[in-house]
Amino acid sequence: MSVAKKEYKRITVKTLVDMKANGEKISMLTAYDFTMAKIVDGSGIDVILVGDSASNVMAGHETTLPITLDQMIYHASSVVRAVERALVVVDLPFGSYQSDPKEALRSAIRIMKESGGHAVKLEGGKEVKESIKRILNAGIPVMGHLGLTPQSIYKFGTYTVRAKEDEEAIQLKQDALMLEKAGCFAIVLEKIPASLAKEVAESVSIPVIGIGAGNGVDGQVLVLHDMIGMTHEFHPRFLRRYMNLYEEMTTAISQYVGDVKSEDFPNDEEQY
């Protein structure tokens, strides 16, 4: 049964916990620049993720690994300047938190101070527990991320569904409980069986946001460029395209080129 949407002037980490308690689903999309973030925020999104997926969709890298902390801060700063309502969560990039909890804290502080973001997100379970504790002790909200963790792609060797086997599923459930106990305000579950994701969402009091994790969780997240059809080569089962912007933009730009070549643009009314 759907729940009536409550109007929130500003989304906070507490808002998201209240939304879960009230049975209201949480909407989340990525954004990486001022113009797109302004559109997304104005459309009523609850959470904007400045994802390390910028490495893919903005910079053209094959994986999320190459993007740097400085680059994440640049993208996050651009997004924060556009946002009036949504909670802005910023990914900690690969190499900025995994090996050293002190380095994790320094990275998180830089993001919060230099970008104005509202929270950070990092991938992993028990192996990053100490990093999470350090960041939380500094008063910085943390969103966890379990299941398919793209920063570990070379360890997995594939982007296929995670936690299908019992051992990995048990570890994921344990990690989710650990993240809640440590103080994370929410968890992203990526590309895991829907039944497992639903079980995790029901076992914790914090919101669970899914991407390729079924509809039994507390909210959904997609990469904006995938959802509006700018990245037309990507066809995972979990993706619903709400536009075909690649085709629309290609058509529009081709028409512009033709109008310039034929001297149709600019016409008399488009000149001074």
Protein backbone atom coordinates (compact mmCIF):
# COMPACT_ATOMS: atom_id res chain seq x y z
CA MET A 1 0.00 0.00 0.00
CA SER A 2 1.37 3.42 -0.93
CA VAL A 3 1.85 6.04 1.77
CA ALA A 4 0.91 9.69 1.32
CA LYS A 5 3.97 11.80 0.66
CA LYS A 6 4.74 14.27 3.43
CA GLU A 7 6.16 17.65 2.45
CA TYR A 8 9.67 18.28 3.72
CA LYS A 9 11.33 21.67 3.30
CA ARG A 10 14.77 20.15 3.81
CA ILE A 11 15.83 16.52 3.90
CA THR A 12 18.19 15.47 6.69
CA VAL A 13 19.50 12.11 7.86
CA LYS A 14 16.76 12.16 10.51
CA THR A 15 14.16 12.74 7.81
CA LEU A 16 15.21 9.53 6.07
CA VAL A 17 14.94 7.49 9.27
CA ASP A 18 11.48 9.00 9.87
CA MET A 19 10.47 8.17 6.29
CA LYS A 20 11.36 4.52 6.85
CA ALA A 21 9.45 4.46 10.14
CA ASN A 22 6.42 5.97 8.38
CA GLY A 23 6.60 3.58 5.44
CA GLU A 24 7.41 6.30 2.89
CA LYS A 25 9.80 5.23 0.14
CA ILE A 26 12.99 7.26 -0.39
CA SER A 27 13.99 8.49 -3.85
CA MET A 28 17.67 8.95 -4.69
CA LEU A 29 19.54 9.88 -7.88
CA THR A 30 23.09 10.83 -8.76
CA ALA A 31 24.20 14.26 -9.95
CA TYR A 32 27.64 15.65 -10.66
CA ASP A 33 27.20 19.27 -11.78
CA PHE A 34 25.26 22.43 -10.93
CA THR A 35 22.77 22.44 -13.81
CA MET A 36 21.67 18.83 -13.49
CA ALA A 37 21.59 18.99 -9.70
CA LYS A 38 19.29 22.04 -9.84
CA ILE A 39 16.86 20.14 -12.08
CA VAL A 40 16.98 16.99 -9.93
CA ASP A 41 16.54 18.91 -6.68
CA GLY A 42 13.69 20.96 -8.11
CA SER A 43 11.92 17.77 -9.16
CA GLY A 44 11.49 16.68 -5.54
CA ILE A 45 14.22 14.06 -5.11
CA ASP A 46 15.00 13.14 -1.50
CA VAL A 47 18.71 12.33 -1.79
CA ILE A 48 21.32 13.35 -4.34
CA LEU A 49 24.36 11.11 -4.48
CA VAL A 50 27.52 12.67 -5.84
CA GLY A 51 28.73 9.24 -6.86
CA ASP A 52 32.15 8.05 -7.86
CA SER A 53 30.24 6.89 -10.95
CA ALA A 54 31.30 10.34 -12.19
CA SER A 55 34.46 8.45 -13.12
CA ASN A 56 32.38 6.56 -15.70
CA VAL A 57 29.72 8.95 -16.94
CA MET A 58 31.61 12.24 -16.69
CA ALA A 59 35.23 11.21 -17.34
CA GLY A 60 34.77 8.09 -19.49
CA HIS A 61 36.77 5.66 -17.35
CA GLU A 62 35.94 1.96 -17.43
CA THR A 63 35.72 1.75 -13.62
CA THR A 64 35.16 4.06 -10.65
CA LEU A 65 38.73 3.57 -9.42
CA PRO A 66 40.55 6.46 -11.19
CA ILE A 67 38.53 9.36 -9.76
CA THR A 68 40.41 11.34 -7.11
CA LEU A 69 39.36 13.00 -3.88
CA ASP A 70 39.98 16.43 -5.42
CA GLN A 71 37.74 15.57 -8.34
CA MET A 72 34.98 14.32 -6.04
CA ILE A 73 35.17 17.56 -4.07
CA TYR A 74 34.90 19.54 -7.32
CA HIS A 75 31.76 17.66 -8.40
CA ALA A 76 30.23 17.81 -4.92
CA SER A 77 30.83 21.56 -4.64
CA SER A 78 29.04 22.10 -7.94
CA VAL A 79 26.06 20.05 -6.77
CA VAL A 80 25.80 21.64 -3.32
CA ARG A 81 25.58 25.14 -4.86
CA ALA A 82 22.43 24.04 -6.72
CA VAL A 83 20.57 22.20 -3.97
CA GLU A 84 17.91 23.69 -1.71
CA ARG A 85 15.99 20.62 -0.48
CA ALA A 86 17.73 17.29 -1.03
CA LEU A 87 20.28 15.62 1.23
CA VAL A 88 23.64 15.57 -0.59
CA VAL A 89 25.72 12.43 -0.01
CA VAL A 90 29.25 12.27 -1.41
CA ASP A 91 31.16 9.09 -2.23
CA LEU A 92 34.57 8.63 -0.69
CA PRO A 93 36.67 7.55 -3.70
CA PHE A 94 38.83 4.47 -3.96
CA GLY A 95 42.05 4.76 -1.94
CA SER A 96 40.80 7.53 0.36
CA TYR A 97 39.58 5.38 3.26
CA GLN A 98 40.30 1.64 2.90
CA SER A 99 43.74 1.18 4.41
CA ASP A 100 43.99 3.78 7.16
CA PRO A 101 41.17 5.06 9.42
CA LYS A 102 43.08 8.32 9.95
CA GLU A 103 43.26 8.83 6.19
CA ALA A 104 39.54 8.04 5.97
CA LEU A 105 38.80 10.75 8.52
CA ARG A 106 40.99 13.27 6.70
CA SER A 107 39.24 12.48 3.42
CA ALA A 108 35.77 12.82 4.93
CA ILE A 109 36.67 16.11 6.62
CA ARG A 110 37.96 17.51 3.33
CA ILE A 111 34.72 16.59 1.57
CA MET A 112 32.57 18.18 4.27
CA LYS A 113 34.67 21.36 4.61
CA GLU A 114 35.52 21.96 0.96
CA SER A 115 32.31 20.85 -0.77
CA GLY A 116 29.61 21.58 1.80
CA GLY A 117 28.16 18.08 1.38
CA HIS A 118 25.89 16.72 4.08
CA ALA A 119 27.19 13.14 4.43
CA VAL A 120 29.67 10.66 2.95
CA LYS A 121 29.22 7.16 1.58
CA LEU A 122 31.76 4.37 1.55
CA GLU A 123 31.81 0.77 0.41
CA GLY A 124 32.38 -2.33 2.53
CA GLY A 125 31.52 -4.04 5.78
CA LYS A 126 33.66 -5.24 8.66
CA GLU A 127 36.90 -4.42 6.81
CA VAL A 128 36.13 -0.67 6.95
CA LYS A 129 34.56 -0.65 10.42
CA GLU A 130 37.36 1.38 12.02
CA SER A 131 37.26 3.97 9.24
CA ILE A 132 33.51 4.36 9.74
CA LYS A 133 33.97 4.79 13.50
CA ARG A 134 36.58 7.51 13.01
CA ILE A 135 34.37 9.44 10.62
CA LEU A 136 31.28 9.13 12.79
CA ASN A 137 33.21 10.21 15.89
CA ALA A 138 33.95 13.47 14.07
CA GLY A 139 30.22 14.08 13.68
CA ILE A 140 30.10 13.26 9.96
CA PRO A 141 27.08 11.17 8.84
CA VAL A 142 27.99 7.96 7.00
CA MET A 143 25.99 5.93 4.49
CA GLY A 144 27.18 2.35 4.01
CA HIS A 145 27.25 0.33 0.77
CA LEU A 146 27.10 -3.47 0.55
CA GLY A 147 26.57 -6.11 -2.11
CA LEU A 148 28.19 -5.26 -5.42
CA THR A 149 30.84 -2.72 -4.47
CA PRO A 150 32.24 -1.27 -7.73
CA GLN A 151 35.50 -0.11 -6.14
CA SER A 152 36.29 -3.81 -5.59
CA ILE A 153 35.56 -4.82 -9.18
CA TYR A 154 39.01 -6.29 -9.78
CA LYS A 155 38.59 -8.45 -6.68
CA PHE A 156 35.21 -9.74 -7.88
CA GLY A 157 36.17 -9.81 -11.57
CA THR A 158 32.55 -9.29 -12.65
CA TYR A 159 29.52 -7.05 -12.18
CA THR A 160 27.15 -10.01 -11.70
CA VAL A 161 24.70 -10.33 -8.81
CA ARG A 162 26.35 -10.70 -5.39
CA ALA A 163 25.40 -12.73 -2.28
CA LYS A 164 23.63 -15.52 -4.16
CA GLU A 165 25.52 -18.13 -2.14
CA ASP A 166 24.73 -18.70 1.54
CA GLU A 167 28.15 -17.77 2.90
CA GLU A 168 28.24 -14.36 1.22
CA ALA A 169 24.58 -13.71 2.08
CA ILE A 170 25.22 -14.42 5.77
CA GLN A 171 28.24 -12.10 5.76
CA LEU A 172 26.21 -9.35 4.10
CA LYS A 173 23.49 -9.59 6.75
CA GLN A 174 26.11 -9.45 9.48
CA ASP A 175 27.77 -6.44 7.86
CA ALA A 176 24.42 -4.63 7.59
CA LEU A 177 23.80 -5.10 11.31
CA MET A 178 27.35 -3.95 12.03
CA LEU A 179 26.85 -0.77 9.94
CA GLU A 180 23.67 0.02 11.84
CA LYS A 181 25.32 -0.61 15.20
CA ALA A 182 28.33 1.49 14.24
CA GLY A 183 26.02 4.44 13.58
CA CYS A 184 25.50 4.62 9.81
CA PHE A 185 22.27 6.46 8.96
CA ALA A 186 21.50 4.36 5.85
CA ILE A 187 22.82 1.55 3.65
CA VAL A 188 22.89 1.11 -0.12
CA LEU A 189 22.45 -2.48 -1.31
CA GLU A 190 23.60 -3.02 -4.88
CA LYS A 191 22.73 -5.91 -7.16
CA ILE A 192 21.75 -8.63 -4.69
CA PRO A 193 18.74 -11.00 -4.66
CA ALA A 194 15.49 -9.18 -3.85
CA SER A 195 14.57 -11.64 -1.09
CA LEU A 196 17.88 -11.02 0.69
CA ALA A 197 17.57 -7.25 0.37
CA LYS A 198 14.06 -7.36 1.84
CA GLU A 199 15.35 -9.46 4.74
CA VAL A 200 18.12 -6.95 5.43
CA ALA A 201 15.74 -3.98 5.25
CA GLU A 202 13.44 -5.62 7.77
CA SER A 203 16.33 -6.48 10.11
CA VAL A 204 17.62 -2.92 10.57
CA SER A 205 15.95 0.30 11.72
CA ILE A 206 17.93 2.51 9.31
CA PRO A 207 16.86 3.04 5.67
CA VAL A 208 18.07 0.58 3.05
CA ILE A 209 18.32 2.01 -0.47
CA GLY A 210 18.45 -0.46 -3.32
CA ILE A 211 19.89 -0.51 -6.81
CA GLY A 212 19.12 -3.82 -8.43
CA ALA A 213 17.91 -5.09 -5.05
CA GLY A 214 14.17 -5.41 -5.61
CA ASN A 215 11.23 -3.50 -4.15
CA GLY A 216 11.35 -4.80 -0.59
CA VAL A 217 13.77 -2.08 0.51
CA ASP A 218 13.11 1.46 1.77
CA GLY A 219 14.04 3.36 -1.37
CA GLN A 220 15.72 3.28 -4.75
CA VAL A 221 18.76 4.88 -6.37
CA LEU A 222 19.78 5.08 -10.03
CA VAL A 223 22.52 6.84 -11.94
CA LEU A 224 20.84 9.89 -13.48
CA HIS A 225 22.53 9.53 -16.86
CA ASP A 226 21.26 5.95 -17.12
CA MET A 227 17.72 6.82 -16.02
CA ILE A 228 17.27 9.62 -18.57
CA GLY A 229 18.87 7.62 -21.37
CA MET A 230 22.06 9.59 -21.96
CA THR A 231 24.14 6.43 -21.54
CA HIS A 232 22.36 4.31 -24.12
CA GLU A 233 24.79 1.33 -24.15
CA PHE A 234 23.99 0.24 -20.56
CA HIS A 235 21.11 -2.26 -20.23
CA PRO A 236 21.01 -3.93 -16.78
CA ARG A 237 17.75 -5.57 -15.70
CA PHE A 238 17.28 -3.15 -12.79
CA LEU A 239 17.37 -0.01 -14.97
CA ARG A 240 14.15 1.69 -16.07
CA ARG A 241 14.73 4.42 -18.64
CA TYR A 242 12.32 7.32 -18.24
CA MET A 243 13.63 9.15 -21.33
CA ASN A 244 15.74 8.50 -24.38
CA LEU A 245 17.77 11.67 -24.09
CA TYR A 246 20.62 10.28 -26.19
CA GLU A 247 18.31 10.06 -29.21
CA GLU A 248 16.64 13.41 -28.52
CA MET A 249 19.96 15.21 -28.13
CA THR A 250 21.45 13.56 -31.21
CA THR A 251 18.44 14.64 -33.27
CA ALA A 252 18.55 18.21 -31.94
CA ILE A 253 22.30 18.62 -32.48
CA SER A 254 22.09 17.16 -35.98
CA GLN A 255 19.33 19.64 -36.81
CA TYR A 256 21.46 22.51 -35.47
CA VAL A 257 24.41 21.41 -37.60
CA GLY A 258 22.15 21.29 -40.66
CA ASP A 259 20.68 24.71 -39.93
CA VAL A 260 24.15 26.26 -39.58
CA LYS A 261 25.39 24.63 -42.79
CA SER A 262 22.32 25.74 -44.75
CA GLU A 263 22.50 29.26 -43.27
CA ASP A 264 19.00 28.84 -41.81
CA PHE A 265 20.43 29.70 -38.37
CA PRO A 266 20.48 32.45 -37.31
CA ASN A 267 17.47 33.93 -39.10
CA ASP A 268 16.54 37.61 -39.18
CA GLU A 269 14.76 37.46 -35.80
CA GLU A 270 17.81 35.85 -34.16
CA GLN A 271 20.18 38.69 -35.05
CA TYR A 272 20.83 42.15 -33.59
